[in-house]
Amino acid sequence: MQQQYSKFILELNQSVLKYTTSEPQKLQNIITQLKKVCNHPFMFRDAMIEKMSLEEIVENSGKMQVLDALLTKFKAEGHKVLIYT
């Protein structure tokens, strides 16, 4: 889902990306949208799907997949974890 949203944002803004010197604010907006996709694709209103399972939430984000793997490993080894968000 992250790849799909990233491609969509870049394709939608191709004309702005070709001529970045004329409108730097638009370029900044595109970068902000791509950052949101990197955090999680469900940061966008239209992407939010109600009653999703935890597995589906983790599956749709690379960051969540890595976090899930790390937390599973740490729990198995008896570590304590504190997460700041």
C-alpha atoms as a PDB file:
ATOM      1  CA  MET A   1       0.000   0.000   0.000  1.00  0.00           C
ATOM      2  CA  GLN A   2       2.897   2.370   0.737  1.00  0.00           C
ATOM      3  CA  GLN A   3       4.341   1.796  -2.725  1.00  0.00           C
ATOM      4  CA  GLN A   4       0.971   2.399  -4.367  1.00  0.00           C
ATOM      5  CA  TYR A   5       0.419   5.668  -2.506  1.00  0.00           C
ATOM      6  CA  SER A   6       3.970   6.876  -3.211  1.00  0.00           C
ATOM      7  CA  LYS A   7       3.615   6.162  -6.932  1.00  0.00           C
ATOM      8  CA  PHE A   8       0.213   7.847  -6.996  1.00  0.00           C
ATOM      9  CA  ILE A   9       1.559  11.012  -5.329  1.00  0.00           C
ATOM     10  CA  LEU A  10       4.537  11.192  -7.694  1.00  0.00           C
ATOM     11  CA  GLU A  11       2.445  10.523 -10.803  1.00  0.00           C
ATOM     12  CA  LEU A  12      -0.156  13.070  -9.745  1.00  0.00           C
ATOM     13  CA  ASN A  13       2.530  15.741  -9.348  1.00  0.00           C
ATOM     14  CA  GLN A  14       4.783  15.024 -12.334  1.00  0.00           C
ATOM     15  CA  SER A  15       4.376  18.526 -13.763  1.00  0.00           C
ATOM     16  CA  VAL A  16       5.418  20.130 -10.460  1.00  0.00           C
ATOM     17  CA  LEU A  17       8.423  17.835 -10.126  1.00  0.00           C
ATOM     18  CA  LYS A  18       9.692  18.791 -13.597  1.00  0.00           C
ATOM     19  CA  TYR A  19       9.609  22.520 -12.823  1.00  0.00           C
ATOM     20  CA  THR A  20      10.499  22.705  -9.115  1.00  0.00           C
ATOM     21  CA  THR A  21      12.227  26.080  -9.275  1.00  0.00           C
ATOM     22  CA  SER A  22       9.013  27.896 -10.173  1.00  0.00           C
ATOM     23  CA  GLU A  23       6.913  26.635  -7.231  1.00  0.00           C
ATOM     24  CA  PRO A  24       8.966  25.534  -4.209  1.00  0.00           C
ATOM     25  CA  GLN A  25       5.895  25.481  -1.920  1.00  0.00           C
ATOM     26  CA  LYS A  26       4.252  22.809  -4.051  1.00  0.00           C
ATOM     27  CA  LEU A  27       7.417  20.731  -3.869  1.00  0.00           C
ATOM     28  CA  GLN A  28       7.365  21.043  -0.083  1.00  0.00           C
ATOM     29  CA  ASN A  29       3.745  19.814  -0.062  1.00  0.00           C
ATOM     30  CA  ILE A  30       4.706  16.763  -2.117  1.00  0.00           C
ATOM     31  CA  ILE A  31       7.537  15.978   0.290  1.00  0.00           C
ATOM     32  CA  THR A  32       5.129  16.269   3.227  1.00  0.00           C
ATOM     33  CA  GLN A  33       2.708  13.844   1.569  1.00  0.00           C
ATOM     34  CA  LEU A  34       5.519  11.350   0.938  1.00  0.00           C
ATOM     35  CA  LYS A  35       6.588  11.620   4.604  1.00  0.00           C
ATOM     36  CA  LYS A  36       3.039  10.752   5.649  1.00  0.00           C
ATOM     37  CA  VAL A  37       3.139   7.678   3.414  1.00  0.00           C
ATOM     38  CA  CYS A  38       6.449   6.646   5.008  1.00  0.00           C
ATOM     39  CA  ASN A  39       4.939   6.846   8.486  1.00  0.00           C
ATOM     40  CA  HIS A  40       1.882   4.840   7.510  1.00  0.00           C
ATOM     41  CA  PRO A  41      -0.453   4.923   4.507  1.00  0.00           C
ATOM     42  CA  PHE A  42      -3.468   5.131   6.825  1.00  0.00           C
ATOM     43  CA  MET A  43      -2.426   8.699   7.678  1.00  0.00           C
ATOM     44  CA  PHE A  44      -4.595   9.710   4.717  1.00  0.00           C
ATOM     45  CA  ARG A  45      -8.323  10.041   5.343  1.00  0.00           C
ATOM     46  CA  ASP A  46      -9.382   8.081   2.293  1.00  0.00           C
ATOM     47  CA  ALA A  47      -7.056   5.220   3.198  1.00  0.00           C
ATOM     48  CA  MET A  48      -8.566   4.617   6.632  1.00  0.00           C
ATOM     49  CA  ILE A  49     -10.599   1.468   6.677  1.00  0.00           C
ATOM     50  CA  GLU A  50     -12.678   0.754   9.737  1.00  0.00           C
ATOM     51  CA  LYS A  51     -12.415  -2.507  11.645  1.00  0.00           C
ATOM     52  CA  MET A  52      -9.026  -3.505  10.283  1.00  0.00           C
ATOM     53  CA  SER A  53      -7.191  -6.249  12.048  1.00  0.00           C
ATOM     54  CA  LEU A  54      -3.805  -5.668  13.637  1.00  0.00           C
ATOM     55  CA  GLU A  55      -2.253  -7.942  11.011  1.00  0.00           C
ATOM     56  CA  GLU A  56      -3.627  -5.781   8.197  1.00  0.00           C
ATOM     57  CA  ILE A  57      -2.317  -2.603   9.812  1.00  0.00           C
ATOM     58  CA  VAL A  58       1.155  -4.116  10.214  1.00  0.00           C
ATOM     59  CA  GLU A  59       1.099  -5.636   6.725  1.00  0.00           C
ATOM     60  CA  ASN A  60       0.522  -2.269   5.033  1.00  0.00           C
ATOM     61  CA  SER A  61       3.513  -0.449   6.518  1.00  0.00           C
ATOM     62  CA  GLY A  62       7.201  -1.300   6.263  1.00  0.00           C
ATOM     63  CA  LYS A  63       7.934   0.518   9.522  1.00  0.00           C
ATOM     64  CA  MET A  64       5.268  -1.480  11.324  1.00  0.00           C
ATOM     65  CA  GLN A  65       6.624  -4.737   9.909  1.00  0.00           C
ATOM     66  CA  VAL A  66      10.098  -3.977  11.237  1.00  0.00           C
ATOM     67  CA  LEU A  67       8.687  -2.858  14.595  1.00  0.00           C
ATOM     68  CA  ASP A  68       6.582  -6.017  14.832  1.00  0.00           C
ATOM     69  CA  ALA A  69       9.597  -8.221  14.136  1.00  0.00           C
ATOM     70  CA  LEU A  70      11.748  -6.373  16.683  1.00  0.00           C
ATOM     71  CA  LEU A  71       9.112  -6.426  19.408  1.00  0.00           C
ATOM     72  CA  THR A  72       8.418 -10.122  18.846  1.00  0.00           C
ATOM     73  CA  LYS A  73      12.135 -10.882  19.167  1.00  0.00           C
ATOM     74  CA  PHE A  74      12.587  -8.683  22.248  1.00  0.00           C
ATOM     75  CA  LYS A  75       9.564 -10.224  23.970  1.00  0.00           C
ATOM     76  CA  ALA A  76      10.843 -13.738  23.311  1.00  0.00           C
ATOM     77  CA  GLU A  77      14.186 -12.771  24.857  1.00  0.00           C
ATOM     78  CA  GLY A  78      12.533 -11.194  27.901  1.00  0.00           C
ATOM     79  CA  HIS A  79      13.524  -7.596  27.173  1.00  0.00           C
ATOM     80  CA  LYS A  80      11.509  -4.561  28.242  1.00  0.00           C
ATOM     81  CA  VAL A  81      10.773  -1.936  25.604  1.00  0.00           C
ATOM     82  CA  LEU A  82       9.730   1.695  25.916  1.00  0.00           C
ATOM     83  CA  ILE A  83       8.417   3.368  22.759  1.00  0.00           C
ATOM     84  CA  TYR A  84       8.227   7.139  22.350  1.00  0.00           C
ATOM     85  CA  THR A  85       5.946   8.491  19.656  1.00  0.00           C
END
